[in-house]
Amino acid sequence: GAALACPGRKVFAMESDGAGMYTLQSLWTQARERLDVVTVIFANRAYKILRGELKQMGIADPGPKAAAMLDLGDPDLDWVKLAEGMGVPGSRARRCEEFSDQLRDAIRRPGPRLIEAAL
C-alpha cells in the first residue's frame, strides 16, 4: 500500500520469516506492479510470535507436537528462491557486513528486492 501511495519513495518492509509466510503473495504483487520495495526477512526459523501468544494464554511448555508446529526449520525455507519464484530478486546475508552491502545495493536499484537476514 505505501509503495502505491508514494510511488517516488523507497519503501522498506521488515518482517520475520514466520510473518512472511502469511504475506508471501505480497512479493508477487511487488514484482507485478514494479513497486520500489525492499523486503527484509529476519529468518529465525520459527513462529516466535505464536510461542509468545501461547505463553500469554498460560502455556509455557506447548509439548513436542505443538513446538514442532512452531518450527520453520524442517524443511528450511529458502527466501531467496521464494522471492525469485515470485519475480523479485533476492539475496541472503549471514553476516552484518553482507547485510549492509546488500541493503546499500537494494537501495540503489529501483524495483522490488528481498534480503534474507539469516539469524
PDB file of N, CA and C in Angstrom:
ATOM      1  N   GLY A   1       0.793  -1.187   0.000  1.00  0.00           N
ATOM      2  CA  GLY A   1       0.000   0.000   0.000  1.00  0.00           C
ATOM      3  C   GLY A   1       0.846   1.266   0.000  1.00  0.00           C
ATOM      4  N   ALA A   2       1.891   1.304   0.829  1.00  0.00           N
ATOM      5  CA  ALA A   2       2.721   2.510   0.926  1.00  0.00           C
ATOM      6  C   ALA A   2       3.425   2.791  -0.394  1.00  0.00           C
ATOM      7  N   ALA A   3       3.871   1.754  -1.084  1.00  0.00           N
ATOM      8  CA  ALA A   3       4.574   1.949  -2.353  1.00  0.00           C
ATOM      9  C   ALA A   3       3.635   2.474  -3.435  1.00  0.00           C
ATOM     10  N   LEU A   4       2.367   2.101  -3.374  1.00  0.00           N
ATOM     11  CA  LEU A   4       1.391   2.632  -4.327  1.00  0.00           C
ATOM     12  C   LEU A   4       1.025   4.071  -3.986  1.00  0.00           C
ATOM     13  N   ALA A   5       0.922   4.369  -2.693  1.00  0.00           N
ATOM     14  CA  ALA A   5       0.550   5.717  -2.256  1.00  0.00           C
ATOM     15  C   ALA A   5       1.664   6.728  -2.512  1.00  0.00           C
ATOM     16  N   CYS A   6       2.905   6.299  -2.419  1.00  0.00           N
ATOM     17  CA  CYS A   6       4.072   7.185  -2.597  1.00  0.00           C
ATOM     18  C   CYS A   6       5.030   6.557  -3.599  1.00  0.00           C
ATOM     19  N   PRO A   7       4.663   6.547  -4.885  1.00  0.00           N
ATOM     20  CA  PRO A   7       5.477   5.826  -5.869  1.00  0.00           C
ATOM     21  C   PRO A   7       6.892   6.362  -6.053  1.00  0.00           C
ATOM     22  N   GLY A   8       7.178   7.566  -5.636  1.00  0.00           N
ATOM     23  CA  GLY A   8       8.515   8.112  -5.800  1.00  0.00           C
ATOM     24  C   GLY A   8       9.434   7.862  -4.628  1.00  0.00           C
ATOM     25  N   ARG A   9       8.979   7.082  -3.652  1.00  0.00           N
ATOM     26  CA  ARG A   9       9.782   6.858  -2.449  1.00  0.00           C
ATOM     27  C   ARG A   9      10.057   5.369  -2.258  1.00  0.00           C
ATOM     28  N   LYS A  10      11.248   5.058  -1.782  1.00  0.00           N
ATOM     29  CA  LYS A  10      11.622   3.674  -1.464  1.00  0.00           C
ATOM     30  C   LYS A  10      10.864   3.252  -0.210  1.00  0.00           C
ATOM     31  N   VAL A  11      10.312   2.062  -0.226  1.00  0.00           N
ATOM     32  CA  VAL A  11       9.569   1.518   0.914  1.00  0.00           C
ATOM     33  C   VAL A  11      10.337   0.325   1.457  1.00  0.00           C
ATOM     34  N   PHE A  12      10.369   0.207   2.777  1.00  0.00           N
ATOM     35  CA  PHE A  12      11.031  -0.918   3.433  1.00  0.00           C
ATOM     36  C   PHE A  12       9.996  -1.734   4.187  1.00  0.00           C
ATOM     37  N   ALA A  13       9.978  -3.043   3.932  1.00  0.00           N
ATOM     38  CA  ALA A  13       9.120  -3.973   4.669  1.00  0.00           C
ATOM     39  C   ALA A  13      10.049  -4.889   5.446  1.00  0.00           C
ATOM     40  N   MET A  14       9.940  -4.858   6.760  1.00  0.00           N
ATOM     41  CA  MET A  14      10.808  -5.682   7.605  1.00  0.00           C
ATOM     42  C   MET A  14       9.935  -6.616   8.424  1.00  0.00           C
ATOM     43  N   GLU A  15      10.203  -7.921   8.279  1.00  0.00           N
ATOM     44  CA  GLU A  15       9.378  -8.905   8.970  1.00  0.00           C
ATOM     45  C   GLU A  15      10.176 -10.170   9.238  1.00  0.00           C
ATOM     46  N   SER A  16       9.656 -10.955  10.143  1.00  0.00           N
ATOM     47  CA  SER A  16      10.278 -12.250  10.424  1.00  0.00           C
ATOM     48  C   SER A  16       9.826 -13.256   9.369  1.00  0.00           C
ATOM     49  N   ASP A  17      10.488 -14.393   9.339  1.00  0.00           N
ATOM     50  CA  ASP A  17      10.098 -15.417   8.374  1.00  0.00           C
ATOM     51  C   ASP A  17       8.713 -15.976   8.676  1.00  0.00           C
ATOM     52  N   GLY A  18       8.347 -16.050   9.945  1.00  0.00           N
ATOM     53  CA  GLY A  18       7.003 -16.517  10.293  1.00  0.00           C
ATOM     54  C   GLY A  18       5.935 -15.593   9.748  1.00  0.00           C
ATOM     55  N   ALA A  19       6.096 -14.298   9.956  1.00  0.00           N
ATOM     56  CA  ALA A  19       5.145 -13.319   9.416  1.00  0.00           C
ATOM     57  C   ALA A  19       5.175 -13.343   7.894  1.00  0.00           C
ATOM     58  N   GLY A  20       6.365 -13.523   7.325  1.00  0.00           N
ATOM     59  CA  GLY A  20       6.496 -13.572   5.880  1.00  0.00           C
ATOM     60  C   GLY A  20       5.710 -14.706   5.249  1.00  0.00           C
ATOM     61  N   MET A  21       5.538 -15.795   5.981  1.00  0.00           N
ATOM     62  CA  MET A  21       4.754 -16.913   5.461  1.00  0.00           C
ATOM     63  C   MET A  21       3.280 -16.535   5.295  1.00  0.00           C
ATOM     64  N   TYR A  22       2.822 -15.571   6.071  1.00  0.00           N
ATOM     65  CA  TYR A  22       1.439 -15.109   5.949  1.00  0.00           C
ATOM     66  C   TYR A  22       1.264 -14.112   4.806  1.00  0.00           C
ATOM     67  N   THR A  23       2.356 -13.506   4.342  1.00  0.00           N
ATOM     68  CA  THR A  23       2.259 -12.431   3.350  1.00  0.00           C
ATOM     69  C   THR A  23       3.110 -12.697   2.110  1.00  0.00           C
ATOM     70  N   LEU A  24       3.404 -13.939   1.832  1.00  0.00           N
ATOM     71  CA  LEU A  24       4.271 -14.296   0.709  1.00  0.00           C
ATOM     72  C   LEU A  24       3.773 -13.717  -0.617  1.00  0.00           C
ATOM     73  N   GLN A  25       2.465 -13.668  -0.796  1.00  0.00           N
ATOM     74  CA  GLN A  25       1.909 -13.176  -2.060  1.00  0.00           C
ATOM     75  C   GLN A  25       2.239 -11.711  -2.315  1.00  0.00           C
ATOM     76  N   SER A  26       2.628 -10.978  -1.282  1.00  0.00           N
ATOM     77  CA  SER A  26       2.985  -9.566  -1.493  1.00  0.00           C
ATOM     78  C   SER A  26       4.211  -9.435  -2.397  1.00  0.00           C
ATOM     79  N   LEU A  27       5.082 -10.428  -2.403  1.00  0.00           N
ATOM     80  CA  LEU A  27       6.248 -10.386  -3.294  1.00  0.00           C
ATOM     81  C   LEU A  27       5.809 -10.405  -4.756  1.00  0.00           C
ATOM     82  N   TRP A  28       4.826 -11.221  -5.056  1.00  0.00           N
ATOM     83  CA  TRP A  28       4.304 -11.292  -6.422  1.00  0.00           C
ATOM     84  C   TRP A  28       3.708  -9.947  -6.831  1.00  0.00           C
ATOM     85  N   THR A  29       2.959  -9.320  -5.914  1.00  0.00           N
ATOM     86  CA  THR A  29       2.377  -8.004  -6.191  1.00  0.00           C
ATOM     87  C   THR A  29       3.470  -6.969  -6.422  1.00  0.00           C
ATOM     88  N   GLN A  30       4.523  -7.012  -5.618  1.00  0.00           N
ATOM     89  CA  GLN A  30       5.634  -6.070  -5.794  1.00  0.00           C
ATOM     90  C   GLN A  30       6.249  -6.215  -7.183  1.00  0.00           C
ATOM     91  N   ALA A  31       6.428  -7.451  -7.631  1.00  0.00           N
ATOM     92  CA  ALA A  31       7.008  -7.691  -8.956  1.00  0.00           C
ATOM     93  C   ALA A  31       6.041  -7.255 -10.056  1.00  0.00           C
ATOM     94  N   ARG A  32       4.804  -7.646  -9.919  1.00  0.00           N
ATOM     95  CA  ARG A  32       3.804  -7.340 -10.950  1.00  0.00           C
ATOM     96  C   ARG A  32       3.629  -5.836 -11.136  1.00  0.00           C
ATOM     97  N   GLU A  33       3.581  -5.109 -10.026  1.00  0.00           N
ATOM     98  CA  GLU A  33       3.358  -3.663 -10.079  1.00  0.00           C
ATOM     99  C   GLU A  33       4.666  -2.873 -10.151  1.00  0.00           C
ATOM    100  N   ARG A  34       5.798  -3.603 -10.163  1.00  0.00           N
ATOM    101  CA  ARG A  34       7.125  -2.978 -10.206  1.00  0.00           C
ATOM    102  C   ARG A  34       7.292  -1.945  -9.092  1.00  0.00           C
ATOM    103  N   LEU A  35       6.930  -2.368  -7.889  1.00  0.00           N
ATOM    104  CA  LEU A  35       6.974  -1.481  -6.726  1.00  0.00           C
ATOM    105  C   LEU A  35       8.394  -1.371  -6.187  1.00  0.00           C
ATOM    106  N   ASP A  36       8.728  -0.205  -5.702  1.00  0.00           N
ATOM    107  CA  ASP A  36      10.077   0.074  -5.196  1.00  0.00           C
ATOM    108  C   ASP A  36      10.139  -0.279  -3.707  1.00  0.00           C
ATOM    109  N   VAL A  37      10.162  -1.577  -3.426  1.00  0.00           N
ATOM    110  CA  VAL A  37      10.099  -2.081  -2.052  1.00  0.00           C
ATOM    111  C   VAL A  37      11.311  -2.960  -1.769  1.00  0.00           C
ATOM    112  N   VAL A  38      11.941  -2.720  -0.642  1.00  0.00           N
ATOM    113  CA  VAL A  38      12.986  -3.611  -0.135  1.00  0.00           C
ATOM    114  C   VAL A  38      12.365  -4.390   1.016  1.00  0.00           C
ATOM    115  N   THR A  39      12.247  -5.701   0.842  1.00  0.00           N
ATOM    116  CA  THR A  39      11.715  -6.564   1.891  1.00  0.00           C
ATOM    117  C   THR A  39      12.884  -7.239   2.589  1.00  0.00           C
ATOM    118  N   VAL A  40      12.940  -7.083   3.899  1.00  0.00           N
ATOM    119  CA  VAL A  40      13.966  -7.757   4.700  1.00  0.00           C
ATOM    120  C   VAL A  40      13.261  -8.816   5.530  1.00  0.00           C
ATOM    121  N   ILE A  41      13.664 -10.069   5.335  1.00  0.00           N
ATOM    122  CA  ILE A  41      13.132 -11.185   6.111  1.00  0.00           C
ATOM    123  C   ILE A  41      14.171 -11.559   7.158  1.00  0.00           C
ATOM    124  N   PHE A  42      13.812 -11.405   8.422  1.00  0.00           N
ATOM    125  CA  PHE A  42      14.675 -11.823   9.526  1.00  0.00           C
ATOM    126  C   PHE A  42      14.351 -13.286   9.811  1.00  0.00           C
ATOM    127  N   ALA A  43      15.195 -14.177   9.314  1.00  0.00           N
ATOM    128  CA  ALA A  43      14.914 -15.614   9.328  1.00  0.00           C
ATOM    129  C   ALA A  43      15.441 -16.269  10.599  1.00  0.00           C
ATOM    130  N   ASN A  44      14.554 -16.426  11.568  1.00  0.00           N
ATOM    131  CA  ASN A  44      14.926 -17.123  12.804  1.00  0.00           C
ATOM    132  C   ASN A  44      14.392 -18.558  12.816  1.00  0.00           C
ATOM    133  N   ARG A  45      13.754 -18.963  11.719  1.00  0.00           N
ATOM    134  CA  ARG A  45      13.268 -20.337  11.528  1.00  0.00           C
ATOM    135  C   ARG A  45      12.218 -20.763  12.558  1.00  0.00           C
ATOM    136  N   ALA A  46      11.396 -19.809  12.991  1.00  0.00           N
ATOM    137  CA  ALA A  46      10.377 -20.157  13.989  1.00  0.00           C
ATOM    138  C   ALA A  46       9.235 -19.154  13.957  1.00  0.00           C
ATOM    139  N   TYR A  47       8.067 -19.615  14.375  1.00  0.00           N
ATOM    140  CA  TYR A  47       6.928 -18.733  14.620  1.00  0.00           C
ATOM    141  C   TYR A  47       7.038 -18.230  16.052  1.00  0.00           C
ATOM    142  N   LYS A  48       8.005 -17.364  16.315  1.00  0.00           N
ATOM    143  CA  LYS A  48       8.247 -16.870  17.684  1.00  0.00           C
ATOM    144  C   LYS A  48       7.046 -16.115  18.235  1.00  0.00           C
ATOM    145  N   ILE A  49       6.352 -15.365  17.394  1.00  0.00           N
ATOM    146  CA  ILE A  49       5.205 -14.597  17.866  1.00  0.00           C
ATOM    147  C   ILE A  49       4.113 -15.528  18.393  1.00  0.00           C
ATOM    148  N   LEU A  50       3.951 -16.680  17.759  1.00  0.00           N
ATOM    149  CA  LEU A  50       2.934 -17.627  18.218  1.00  0.00           C
ATOM    150  C   LEU A  50       3.334 -18.275  19.533  1.00  0.00           C
ATOM    151  N   ARG A  51       4.623 -18.500  19.721  1.00  0.00           N
ATOM    152  CA  ARG A  51       5.082 -19.030  21.014  1.00  0.00           C
ATOM    153  C   ARG A  51       4.755 -18.023  22.120  1.00  0.00           C
ATOM    154  N   GLY A  52       4.942 -16.737  21.840  1.00  0.00           N
ATOM    155  CA  GLY A  52       4.589 -15.694  22.799  1.00  0.00           C
ATOM    156  C   GLY A  52       3.101 -15.674  23.093  1.00  0.00           C
ATOM    157  N   GLU A  53       2.293 -15.902  22.070  1.00  0.00           N
ATOM    158  CA  GLU A  53       0.840 -15.960  22.270  1.00  0.00           C
ATOM    159  C   GLU A  53       0.465 -17.132  23.170  1.00  0.00           C
ATOM    160  N   LEU A  54       1.119 -18.266  22.972  1.00  0.00           N
ATOM    161  CA  LEU A  54       0.854 -19.420  23.838  1.00  0.00           C
ATOM    162  C   LEU A  54       1.211 -19.106  25.286  1.00  0.00           C
ATOM    163  N   LYS A  55       2.332 -18.435  25.494  1.00  0.00           N
ATOM    164  CA  LYS A  55       2.735 -18.062  26.857  1.00  0.00           C
ATOM    165  C   LYS A  55       1.714 -17.137  27.495  1.00  0.00           C
ATOM    166  N   GLN A  56       1.176 -16.201  26.711  1.00  0.00           N
ATOM    167  CA  GLN A  56       0.160 -15.294  27.243  1.00  0.00           C
ATOM    168  C   GLN A  56      -1.105 -16.042  27.644  1.00  0.00           C
ATOM    169  N   MET A  57      -1.346 -17.176  27.011  1.00  0.00           N
ATOM    170  CA  MET A  57      -2.511 -17.993  27.354  1.00  0.00           C
ATOM    171  C   MET A  57      -2.197 -18.968  28.479  1.00  0.00           C
ATOM    172  N   GLY A  58      -0.981 -18.892  29.023  1.00  0.00           N
ATOM    173  CA  GLY A  58      -0.611 -19.747  30.142  1.00  0.00           C
ATOM    174  C   GLY A  58       0.021 -21.063  29.751  1.00  0.00           C
ATOM    175  N   ILE A  59       0.400 -21.214  28.490  1.00  0.00           N
ATOM    176  CA  ILE A  59       1.018 -22.455  28.014  1.00  0.00           C
ATOM    177  C   ILE A  59       2.513 -22.203  27.867  1.00  0.00           C
ATOM    178  N   ALA A  60       3.253 -22.432  28.944  1.00  0.00           N
ATOM    179  CA  ALA A  60       4.698 -22.178  28.937  1.00  0.00           C
ATOM    180  C   ALA A  60       5.448 -23.232  28.137  1.00  0.00           C
ATOM    181  N   ASP A  61       5.023 -24.495  28.247  1.00  0.00           N
ATOM    182  CA  ASP A  61       5.655 -25.593  27.519  1.00  0.00           C
ATOM    183  C   ASP A  61       4.592 -26.241  26.639  1.00  0.00           C
ATOM    184  N   PRO A  62       4.563 -25.917  25.341  1.00  0.00           N
ATOM    185  CA  PRO A  62       3.484 -26.403  24.487  1.00  0.00           C
ATOM    186  C   PRO A  62       3.522 -27.896  24.170  1.00  0.00           C
ATOM    187  N   GLY A  63       4.584 -28.581  24.514  1.00  0.00           N
ATOM    188  CA  GLY A  63       4.679 -30.000  24.186  1.00  0.00           C
ATOM    189  C   GLY A  63       5.344 -30.191  22.838  1.00  0.00           C
ATOM    190  N   PRO A  64       5.845 -31.405  22.580  1.00  0.00           N
ATOM    191  CA  PRO A  64       6.658 -31.629  21.381  1.00  0.00           C
ATOM    192  C   PRO A  64       5.917 -31.419  20.061  1.00  0.00           C
ATOM    193  N   LYS A  65       4.669 -31.858  19.957  1.00  0.00           N
ATOM    194  CA  LYS A  65       3.952 -31.705  18.680  1.00  0.00           C
ATOM    195  C   LYS A  65       3.629 -30.246  18.395  1.00  0.00           C
ATOM    196  N   ALA A  66       3.164 -29.541  19.409  1.00  0.00           N
ATOM    197  CA  ALA A  66       2.862 -28.118  19.222  1.00  0.00           C
ATOM    198  C   ALA A  66       4.150 -27.339  18.950  1.00  0.00           C
ATOM    199  N   ALA A  67       5.222 -27.673  19.656  1.00  0.00           N
ATOM    200  CA  ALA A  67       6.504 -26.991  19.438  1.00  0.00           C
ATOM    201  C   ALA A  67       6.994 -27.221  18.010  1.00  0.00           C
ATOM    202  N   ALA A  68       6.800 -28.429  17.492  1.00  0.00           N
ATOM    203  CA  ALA A  68       7.217 -28.738  16.120  1.00  0.00           C
ATOM    204  C   ALA A  68       6.438 -27.897  15.110  1.00  0.00           C
ATOM    205  N   MET A  69       5.184 -27.584  15.423  1.00  0.00           N
ATOM    206  CA  MET A  69       4.377 -26.768  14.514  1.00  0.00           C
ATOM    207  C   MET A  69       4.834 -25.311  14.498  1.00  0.00           C
ATOM    208  N   LEU A  70       5.600 -24.905  15.502  1.00  0.00           N
ATOM    209  CA  LEU A  70       6.115 -23.537  15.565  1.00  0.00           C
ATOM    210  C   LEU A  70       7.509 -23.416  14.953  1.00  0.00           C
ATOM    211  N   ASP A  71       8.046 -24.530  14.465  1.00  0.00           N
ATOM    212  CA  ASP A  71       9.395 -24.579  13.897  1.00  0.00           C
ATOM    213  C   ASP A  71       9.322 -24.440  12.378  1.00  0.00           C
ATOM    214  N   LEU A  72      10.070 -23.517  11.821  1.00  0.00           N
ATOM    215  CA  LEU A  72      10.116 -23.335  10.367  1.00  0.00           C
ATOM    216  C   LEU A  72      11.411 -23.887   9.773  1.00  0.00           C
ATOM    217  N   GLY A  73      12.061 -24.801  10.483  1.00  0.00           N
ATOM    218  CA  GLY A  73      13.345 -25.303  10.033  1.00  0.00           C
ATOM    219  C   GLY A  73      13.324 -26.671   9.389  1.00  0.00           C
ATOM    220  N   ASP A  74      12.171 -27.284   9.216  1.00  0.00           N
ATOM    221  CA  ASP A  74      12.135 -28.628   8.639  1.00  0.00           C
ATOM    222  C   ASP A  74      10.921 -28.767   7.729  1.00  0.00           C
ATOM    223  N   PRO A  75      11.054 -28.514   6.453  1.00  0.00           N
ATOM    224  CA  PRO A  75      12.279 -28.143   5.751  1.00  0.00           C
ATOM    225  C   PRO A  75      12.568 -26.644   5.892  1.00  0.00           C
ATOM    226  N   ASP A  76      13.841 -26.282   5.716  1.00  0.00           N
ATOM    227  CA  ASP A  76      14.224 -24.873   5.759  1.00  0.00           C
ATOM    228  C   ASP A  76      13.561 -24.112   4.616  1.00  0.00           C
ATOM    229  N   LEU A  77      13.150 -22.897   4.910  1.00  0.00           N
ATOM    230  CA  LEU A  77      12.604 -22.021   3.877  1.00  0.00           C
ATOM    231  C   LEU A  77      13.761 -21.320   3.170  1.00  0.00           C
ATOM    232  N   ASP A  78      13.719 -21.293   1.870  1.00  0.00           N
ATOM    233  CA  ASP A  78      14.729 -20.582   1.087  1.00  0.00           C
ATOM    234  C   ASP A  78      14.070 -19.319   0.542  1.00  0.00           C
ATOM    235  N   TRP A  79      14.212 -18.228   1.280  1.00  0.00           N
ATOM    236  CA  TRP A  79      13.543 -16.983   0.920  1.00  0.00           C
ATOM    237  C   TRP A  79      14.061 -16.399  -0.388  1.00  0.00           C
ATOM    238  N   VAL A  80      15.306 -16.653  -0.722  1.00  0.00           N
ATOM    239  CA  VAL A  80      15.840 -16.159  -1.994  1.00  0.00           C
ATOM    240  C   VAL A  80      15.101 -16.838  -3.143  1.00  0.00           C
ATOM    241  N   LYS A  81      14.953 -18.149  -3.078  1.00  0.00           N
ATOM    242  CA  LYS A  81      14.241 -18.874  -4.134  1.00  0.00           C
ATOM    243  C   LYS A  81      12.758 -18.520  -4.151  1.00  0.00           C
ATOM    244  N   LEU A  82      12.154 -18.373  -2.967  1.00  0.00           N
ATOM    245  CA  LEU A  82      10.743 -17.979  -2.915  1.00  0.00           C
ATOM    246  C   LEU A  82      10.546 -16.626  -3.588  1.00  0.00           C
ATOM    247  N   ALA A  83      11.415 -15.669  -3.275  1.00  0.00           N
ATOM    248  CA  ALA A  83      11.309 -14.334  -3.875  1.00  0.00           C
ATOM    249  C   ALA A  83      11.498 -14.408  -5.385  1.00  0.00           C
ATOM    250  N   GLU A  84      12.526 -15.114  -5.814  1.00  0.00           N
ATOM    251  CA  GLU A  84      12.806 -15.211  -7.244  1.00  0.00           C
ATOM    252  C   GLU A  84      11.667 -15.901  -7.977  1.00  0.00           C
ATOM    253  N   GLY A  85      11.028 -16.874  -7.328  1.00  0.00           N
ATOM    254  CA  GLY A  85       9.869 -17.539  -7.916  1.00  0.00           C
ATOM    255  C   GLY A  85       8.684 -16.604  -8.095  1.00  0.00           C
ATOM    256  N   MET A  86       8.659 -15.531  -7.330  1.00  0.00           N
ATOM    257  CA  MET A  86       7.599 -14.522  -7.432  1.00  0.00           C
ATOM    258  C   MET A  86       8.020 -13.353  -8.324  1.00  0.00           C
ATOM    259  N   GLY A  87       9.243 -13.413  -8.865  1.00  0.00           N
ATOM    260  CA  GLY A  87       9.721 -12.359  -9.745  1.00  0.00           C
ATOM    261  C   GLY A  87      10.498 -11.250  -9.058  1.00  0.00           C
ATOM    262  N   VAL A  88      10.922 -11.483  -7.816  1.00  0.00           N
ATOM    263  CA  VAL A  88      11.664 -10.480  -7.048  1.00  0.00           C
ATOM    264  C   VAL A  88      13.097 -10.973  -6.842  1.00  0.00           C
ATOM    265  N   PRO A  89      14.096 -10.200  -7.254  1.00  0.00           N
ATOM    266  CA  PRO A  89      15.482 -10.599  -6.987  1.00  0.00           C
ATOM    267  C   PRO A  89      15.734 -10.688  -5.483  1.00  0.00           C
ATOM    268  N   GLY A  90      16.487 -11.696  -5.076  1.00  0.00           N
ATOM    269  CA  GLY A  90      16.745 -11.885  -3.653  1.00  0.00           C
ATOM    270  C   GLY A  90      18.197 -12.198  -3.362  1.00  0.00           C
ATOM    271  N   SER A  91      18.567 -11.981  -2.113  1.00  0.00           N
ATOM    272  CA  SER A  91      19.912 -12.312  -1.645  1.00  0.00           C
ATOM    273  C   SER A  91      19.826 -12.719  -0.182  1.00  0.00           C
ATOM    274  N   ARG A  92      20.885 -13.369   0.288  1.00  0.00           N
ATOM    275  CA  ARG A  92      20.923 -13.842   1.679  1.00  0.00           C
ATOM    276  C   ARG A  92      22.158 -13.272   2.361  1.00  0.00           C
ATOM    277  N   ALA A  93      21.959 -12.755   3.552  1.00  0.00           N
ATOM    278  CA  ALA A  93      23.067 -12.218   4.344  1.00  0.00           C
ATOM    279  C   ALA A  93      23.222 -13.053   5.605  1.00  0.00           C
ATOM    280  N   ARG A  94      24.414 -13.569   5.809  1.00  0.00           N
ATOM    281  CA  ARG A  94      24.706 -14.353   7.016  1.00  0.00           C
ATOM    282  C   ARG A  94      25.537 -13.557   8.020  1.00  0.00           C
ATOM    283  N   ARG A  95      26.118 -12.448   7.558  1.00  0.00           N
ATOM    284  CA  ARG A  95      26.948 -11.600   8.429  1.00  0.00           C
ATOM    285  C   ARG A  95      26.501 -10.152   8.278  1.00  0.00           C
ATOM    286  N   CYS A  96      26.782  -9.347   9.276  1.00  0.00           N
ATOM    287  CA  CYS A  96      26.383  -7.928   9.267  1.00  0.00           C
ATOM    288  C   CYS A  96      26.939  -7.196   8.058  1.00  0.00           C
ATOM    289  N   GLU A  97      28.186  -7.486   7.703  1.00  0.00           N
ATOM    290  CA  GLU A  97      28.805  -6.816   6.565  1.00  0.00           C
ATOM    291  C   GLU A  97      28.063  -7.147   5.270  1.00  0.00           C
ATOM    292  N   GLU A  98      27.677  -8.404   5.122  1.00  0.00           N
ATOM    293  CA  GLU A  98      26.921  -8.810   3.938  1.00  0.00           C
ATOM    294  C   GLU A  98      25.583  -8.079   3.893  1.00  0.00           C
ATOM    295  N   PHE A  99      24.919  -8.019   5.037  1.00  0.00           N
ATOM    296  CA  PHE A  99      23.624  -7.337   5.088  1.00  0.00           C
ATOM    297  C   PHE A  99      23.774  -5.869   4.696  1.00  0.00           C
ATOM    298  N   SER A 100      24.760  -5.221   5.246  1.00  0.00           N
ATOM    299  CA  SER A 100      24.993  -3.806   4.955  1.00  0.00           C
ATOM    300  C   SER A 100      25.230  -3.584   3.462  1.00  0.00           C
ATOM    301  N   ASP A 101      26.057  -4.411   2.856  1.00  0.00           N
ATOM    302  CA  ASP A 101      26.334  -4.304   1.419  1.00  0.00           C
ATOM    303  C   ASP A 101      25.076  -4.552   0.591  1.00  0.00           C
ATOM    304  N   GLN A 102      24.324  -5.589   0.951  1.00  0.00           N
ATOM    305  CA  GLN A 102      23.124  -5.936   0.195  1.00  0.00           C
ATOM    306  C   GLN A 102      22.044  -4.867   0.343  1.00  0.00           C
ATOM    307  N   LEU A 103      21.939  -4.283   1.522  1.00  0.00           N
ATOM    308  CA  LEU A 103      20.956  -3.223   1.733  1.00  0.00           C
ATOM    309  C   LEU A 103      21.316  -1.988   0.902  1.00  0.00           C
ATOM    310  N   ARG A 104      22.578  -1.610   0.903  1.00  0.00           N
ATOM    311  CA  ARG A 104      23.009  -0.470   0.076  1.00  0.00           C
ATOM    312  C   ARG A 104      22.693  -0.722  -1.403  1.00  0.00           C
ATOM    313  N   ASP A 105      22.965  -1.937  -1.860  1.00  0.00           N
ATOM    314  CA  ASP A 105      22.690  -2.287  -3.250  1.00  0.00           C
ATOM    315  C   ASP A 105      21.190  -2.211  -3.544  1.00  0.00           C
ATOM    316  N   ALA A 106      20.374  -2.725  -2.638  1.00  0.00           N
ATOM    317  CA  ALA A 106      18.919  -2.707  -2.834  1.00  0.00           C
ATOM    318  C   ALA A 106      18.381  -1.282  -2.860  1.00  0.00           C
ATOM    319  N   ILE A 107      18.958  -0.408  -2.067  1.00  0.00           N
ATOM    320  CA  ILE A 107      18.522   0.993  -2.041  1.00  0.00           C
ATOM    321  C   ILE A 107      18.865   1.681  -3.361  1.00  0.00           C
ATOM    322  N   ARG A 108      20.007   1.345  -3.935  1.00  0.00           N
ATOM    323  CA  ARG A 108      20.449   1.971  -5.194  1.00  0.00           C
ATOM    324  C   ARG A 108      19.608   1.542  -6.392  1.00  0.00           C
ATOM    325  N   ARG A 109      19.099   0.333  -6.362  1.00  0.00           N
ATOM    326  CA  ARG A 109      18.389  -0.203  -7.527  1.00  0.00           C
ATOM    327  C   ARG A 109      16.880   0.041  -7.401  1.00  0.00           C
ATOM    328  N   PRO A 110      16.236   0.418  -8.493  1.00  0.00           N
ATOM    329  CA  PRO A 110      14.780   0.563  -8.445  1.00  0.00           C
ATOM    330  C   PRO A 110      14.098  -0.802  -8.475  1.00  0.00           C
ATOM    331  N   GLY A 111      12.873  -0.840  -8.013  1.00  0.00           N
ATOM    332  CA  GLY A 111      12.089  -2.067  -8.057  1.00  0.00           C
ATOM    333  C   GLY A 111      12.223  -2.884  -6.799  1.00  0.00           C
ATOM    334  N   PRO A 112      11.487  -3.980  -6.746  1.00  0.00           N
ATOM    335  CA  PRO A 112      11.482  -4.799  -5.535  1.00  0.00           C
ATOM    336  C   PRO A 112      12.766  -5.604  -5.366  1.00  0.00           C
ATOM    337  N   ARG A 113      13.127  -5.807  -4.125  1.00  0.00           N
ATOM    338  CA  ARG A 113      14.280  -6.634  -3.743  1.00  0.00           C
ATOM    339  C   ARG A 113      13.947  -7.295  -2.416  1.00  0.00           C
ATOM    340  N   LEU A 114      14.495  -8.477  -2.191  1.00  0.00           N
ATOM    341  CA  LEU A 114      14.358  -9.162  -0.909  1.00  0.00           C
ATOM    342  C   LEU A 114      15.741  -9.499  -0.382  1.00  0.00           C
ATOM    343  N   ILE A 115      15.920  -9.282   0.908  1.00  0.00           N
ATOM    344  CA  ILE A 115      17.143  -9.701   1.598  1.00  0.00           C
ATOM    345  C   ILE A 115      16.726 -10.618   2.735  1.00  0.00           C
ATOM    346  N   GLU A 116      17.231 -11.840   2.719  1.00  0.00           N
ATOM    347  CA  GLU A 116      17.016 -12.752   3.846  1.00  0.00           C
ATOM    348  C   GLU A 116      18.180 -12.567   4.816  1.00  0.00           C
ATOM    349  N   ALA A 117      17.879 -12.071   5.992  1.00  0.00           N
ATOM    350  CA  ALA A 117      18.891 -11.918   7.041  1.00  0.00           C
ATOM    351  C   ALA A 117      18.833 -13.165   7.913  1.00  0.00           C
ATOM    352  N   ALA A 118      19.790 -14.069   7.713  1.00  0.00           N
ATOM    353  CA  ALA A 118      19.817 -15.332   8.460  1.00  0.00           C
ATOM    354  C   ALA A 118      20.259 -15.060   9.894  1.00  0.00           C
ATOM    355  N   LEU A 119      19.400 -15.398  10.836  1.00  0.00           N
ATOM    356  CA  LEU A 119      19.709 -15.176  12.252  1.00  0.00           C
ATOM    357  C   LEU A 119      20.186 -16.455  12.908  1.00  0.00           C
TER     358      LEU A 119
END
